[in-house]
Structure formats: structure tokens, C-alpha cells
Amino acid sequence: MRRDFTQRFIQYRETARLIWNLGFWPNPDLREVACVLAYEDARARLFEGMVLLSLGYQQRVKEWPGRLGEFVNFEVTTNVPGAELKVDPNLPDACYHVWGDPVVRLNSDSYRLKFMDFHDWYQLAPRDFRFLEVLIERLDERRDLVGHLALIELEKCSIWFVDDGDQHESA
């Protein structure tokens, strides 16, 4: 079963942005490392409350750091031709990421992308969460990139919950 969760992700994005941009960022004391880590943990709990609980996935976000989409199958599809993936040549567990080497245009349905998290370039500036971080699970034109992370603009995507038959508590 597939269900469109795009609007719920957009609502989550707006809420997470609001909390950082109005609650944390204006106060320099709240941009200290401990506060940023507290915000990231709160953001994970917010995702759990706004997105995962409605699917019956209680207590899936164990602790931060981690990626929001690790525990549930959210598939990302493009809704515009030629949407670009900014691929990281490093594997997901690398200490650092280099986004955009290479850039791959998606012109067909010969791919499968899994939502992993929202991404922003600067952690200590106002946040926009314009990009989704996705895991490339299939990319027929570039099979060598399967298993790599990439960024794609949220506005060019739809996000679908795919029930993989996982046994979870009902909502």
C-alpha cells in the first residue's frame, strides 16, 4: 500500500524551521553545541509525533544522532522532469559529505529513492530545509551510485509511505 505523505512532510518542515528560526537562532546562547544537539533531538521527536505516530510507528526514533527515515519506508518520487540529484561520492557512514559530485538528472522512473532526512547547508544560520537527503536504492543509469546518499529539492518531489509489511503497533 502506498500513501501520499507529501503534505505531512511539508507541515513538519515548516514546524521544524519555525522552532529553529524563531526559537533557537535569534539567541546566540541557544546556538551553543549542547543547544544545537538538543534542537536536533527535539526535531527527531517532532518527526516522530507529526509523521511516524500516525502510521503506528511508536518509539522508532530512539536517539539522535540518526537519520529520520532510517526506520520507515518513505519513497521519494520526482514530480518534475529533469530534477537533479546532488550525489555524495562517499558512502553514508562517511565522516563528511560532498554533495553534488556527481549531479544526476532524473528523466524517467528508473530509480528508487528512500527519504532519510531533511538537509540544510548551514547548521548555525536560519534554516530552510529546502533539500531532502535520500538514499539511492536503484538508479538504472548509474548503478555505481546505488547505496549513496543524495540531495534533491523538496519542491520537486512527492513523498510516499510504502507499507512494507513491517509489524508495528497500530495508531
Protein backbone atom coordinates (compact mmCIF):
# COMPACT_ATOMS: atom_id res chain seq x y z
CA MET A 1 0.00 0.00 0.00
CA ARG A 2 1.26 3.48 -0.92
CA ARG A 3 0.01 6.68 0.72
CA ASP A 4 0.98 10.22 -0.23
CA PHE A 5 2.65 11.89 2.77
CA THR A 6 3.96 14.97 0.97
CA GLN A 7 1.71 17.43 2.83
CA ARG A 8 2.58 15.95 6.20
CA PHE A 9 6.31 16.31 5.39
CA ILE A 10 5.75 19.92 4.33
CA GLN A 11 3.93 20.63 7.63
CA TYR A 12 6.75 19.01 9.57
CA ARG A 13 9.35 21.01 7.62
CA GLU A 14 7.57 24.30 8.37
CA THR A 15 7.26 23.47 12.07
CA ALA A 16 10.91 22.41 12.43
CA ARG A 17 12.05 25.55 10.60
CA LEU A 18 9.88 27.77 12.81
CA ILE A 19 11.25 26.26 16.01
CA TRP A 20 14.87 26.80 14.90
CA ASN A 21 14.47 30.14 13.14
CA LEU A 22 12.32 31.82 15.82
CA GLY A 23 13.22 29.86 18.94
CA PHE A 24 16.92 28.99 18.75
CA TRP A 25 18.71 31.02 16.09
CA PRO A 26 17.91 34.56 17.34
CA ASN A 27 19.52 33.82 20.71
CA PRO A 28 23.32 33.31 20.46
CA ASP A 29 23.31 31.33 23.73
CA LEU A 30 21.00 28.78 22.08
CA ARG A 31 23.48 28.25 19.23
CA GLU A 32 25.99 26.58 21.55
CA VAL A 33 26.76 22.94 20.79
CA ALA A 34 24.60 21.50 23.59
CA CYS A 35 21.60 23.57 22.47
CA VAL A 36 22.02 22.59 18.82
CA LEU A 37 22.13 18.94 19.84
CA ALA A 38 19.01 19.46 21.96
CA TYR A 39 17.27 21.02 18.95
CA GLU A 40 18.24 18.06 16.75
CA ASP A 41 16.84 15.65 19.31
CA ALA A 42 13.65 17.73 19.55
CA ARG A 43 13.40 17.74 15.75
CA ALA A 44 13.58 13.94 15.74
CA ARG A 45 10.83 13.73 18.38
CA LEU A 46 8.74 16.19 16.38
CA PHE A 47 9.10 13.98 13.29
CA GLU A 48 8.03 11.01 15.35
CA GLY A 49 4.97 12.88 16.62
CA MET A 50 3.91 14.54 13.37
CA VAL A 51 4.71 11.75 10.90
CA LEU A 52 5.51 8.37 12.40
CA LEU A 53 2.86 8.08 15.12
CA SER A 54 0.05 8.43 12.57
CA LEU A 55 1.42 5.25 10.96
CA GLY A 56 1.63 3.35 14.22
CA TYR A 57 5.41 3.55 14.43
CA GLN A 58 5.84 4.36 18.10
CA GLN A 59 9.30 4.82 19.55
CA ARG A 60 11.14 4.33 16.25
CA VAL A 61 13.33 7.40 16.72
CA LYS A 62 15.46 6.01 19.52
CA GLU A 63 18.01 8.77 19.91
CA TRP A 64 19.71 11.44 17.91
CA PRO A 65 22.06 11.48 16.03
CA GLY A 66 20.48 9.46 13.34
CA ARG A 67 18.50 9.92 10.16
CA LEU A 68 14.76 10.42 10.46
CA GLY A 69 13.86 7.98 7.70
CA GLU A 70 16.00 5.04 8.79
CA PHE A 71 13.14 3.05 10.29
CA VAL A 72 10.25 3.56 7.87
CA ASN A 73 9.98 3.21 4.11
CA PHE A 74 9.23 6.63 2.65
CA GLU A 75 9.78 6.65 -1.10
CA VAL A 76 10.65 9.92 -2.83
CA THR A 77 9.49 10.45 -6.40
CA THR A 78 10.01 13.47 -8.60
CA ASN A 79 7.10 15.49 -9.89
CA VAL A 80 9.07 17.48 -12.49
CA PRO A 81 11.19 16.11 -15.35
CA GLY A 82 14.92 16.63 -15.02
CA ALA A 83 15.01 17.02 -11.23
CA GLU A 84 18.62 16.87 -10.07
CA LEU A 85 20.20 14.58 -7.53
CA LYS A 86 23.29 16.05 -5.88
CA VAL A 87 25.08 12.80 -5.09
CA ASP A 88 27.65 12.27 -2.37
CA PRO A 89 30.51 10.11 -3.69
CA ASN A 90 31.19 8.92 -0.12
CA LEU A 91 29.23 6.11 1.47
CA PRO A 92 26.51 7.04 4.01
CA ASP A 93 28.63 6.29 7.08
CA ALA A 94 31.42 8.64 5.99
CA CYS A 95 32.55 11.35 8.40
CA TYR A 96 31.84 14.08 5.87
CA HIS A 97 29.71 14.55 2.77
CA VAL A 98 30.46 16.20 -0.57
CA TRP A 99 27.14 16.96 -2.20
CA GLY A 100 26.98 17.32 -5.97
CA ASP A 101 29.78 15.10 -7.22
CA PRO A 102 28.18 13.96 -9.47
CA VAL A 103 24.88 15.66 -10.28
CA VAL A 104 22.41 13.28 -11.90
CA ARG A 105 19.24 14.34 -13.73
CA LEU A 106 16.24 12.08 -13.23
CA ASN A 107 14.34 11.85 -16.50
CA SER A 108 12.48 8.57 -16.09
CA ASP A 109 11.09 6.22 -13.49
CA SER A 110 14.25 4.12 -13.48
CA TYR A 111 15.16 5.00 -9.91
CA ARG A 112 14.10 4.40 -6.32
CA LEU A 113 14.93 6.92 -3.62
CA LYS A 114 14.35 6.49 0.10
CA PHE A 115 13.82 9.51 2.35
CA MET A 116 16.47 9.73 5.03
CA ASP A 117 16.28 13.28 6.42
CA PHE A 118 15.91 16.97 5.70
CA HIS A 119 19.10 18.84 4.86
CA ASP A 120 20.33 22.37 5.29
CA TRP A 121 23.75 23.66 4.31
CA TYR A 122 24.43 25.71 7.43
CA GLN A 123 23.52 24.42 10.88
CA LEU A 124 24.12 27.70 12.71
CA ALA A 125 22.19 30.01 10.38
CA PRO A 126 18.48 30.34 9.68
CA ARG A 127 17.32 27.00 8.31
CA ASP A 128 15.21 26.36 5.25
CA PHE A 129 15.28 22.56 4.87
CA ARG A 130 14.93 23.04 1.11
CA PHE A 131 16.55 19.68 0.37
CA LEU A 132 15.72 16.10 1.21
CA GLU A 133 18.54 13.69 1.91
CA VAL A 134 17.74 10.44 0.13
CA LEU A 135 19.34 7.03 -0.17
CA ILE A 136 19.68 5.82 -3.75
CA GLU A 137 18.22 2.31 -3.75
CA ARG A 138 18.01 1.99 -7.55
CA LEU A 139 19.38 4.16 -10.34
CA ASP A 140 19.41 2.30 -13.64
CA GLU A 141 21.56 4.88 -15.47
CA ARG A 142 24.21 4.90 -12.71
CA ARG A 143 24.19 1.61 -10.86
CA ASP A 144 27.54 2.55 -9.29
CA LEU A 145 25.70 5.15 -7.18
CA VAL A 146 23.29 2.70 -5.53
CA GLY A 147 23.81 2.87 -1.77
CA HIS A 148 24.95 6.50 -1.86
CA LEU A 149 23.20 9.50 -0.35
CA ALA A 150 22.00 12.41 -2.46
CA LEU A 151 20.12 15.68 -2.07
CA ILE A 152 17.01 16.63 -4.01
CA GLU A 153 14.81 19.72 -3.69
CA LEU A 154 11.64 19.09 -1.70
CA GLU A 155 9.54 21.25 -4.04
CA LYS A 156 10.31 18.86 -6.91
CA CYS A 157 9.23 15.75 -5.01
CA SER A 158 6.36 13.73 -3.66
CA ILE A 159 6.89 11.56 -0.61
CA TRP A 160 5.06 8.27 -0.28
CA PHE A 161 4.70 5.90 2.65
CA VAL A 162 5.17 2.37 1.38
CA ASP A 163 3.81 -0.27 3.74
CA ASP A 164 6.48 -2.93 3.65
CA GLY A 165 4.50 -5.32 5.82
CA ASP A 166 6.56 -4.44 8.91
CA GLN A 167 4.75 -5.40 12.08
CA HIS A 168 4.14 -2.30 14.15
CA GLU A 169 1.67 -1.09 16.71
CA SER A 170 -1.47 0.41 15.23
CA ALA A 171 -2.15 4.07 15.69
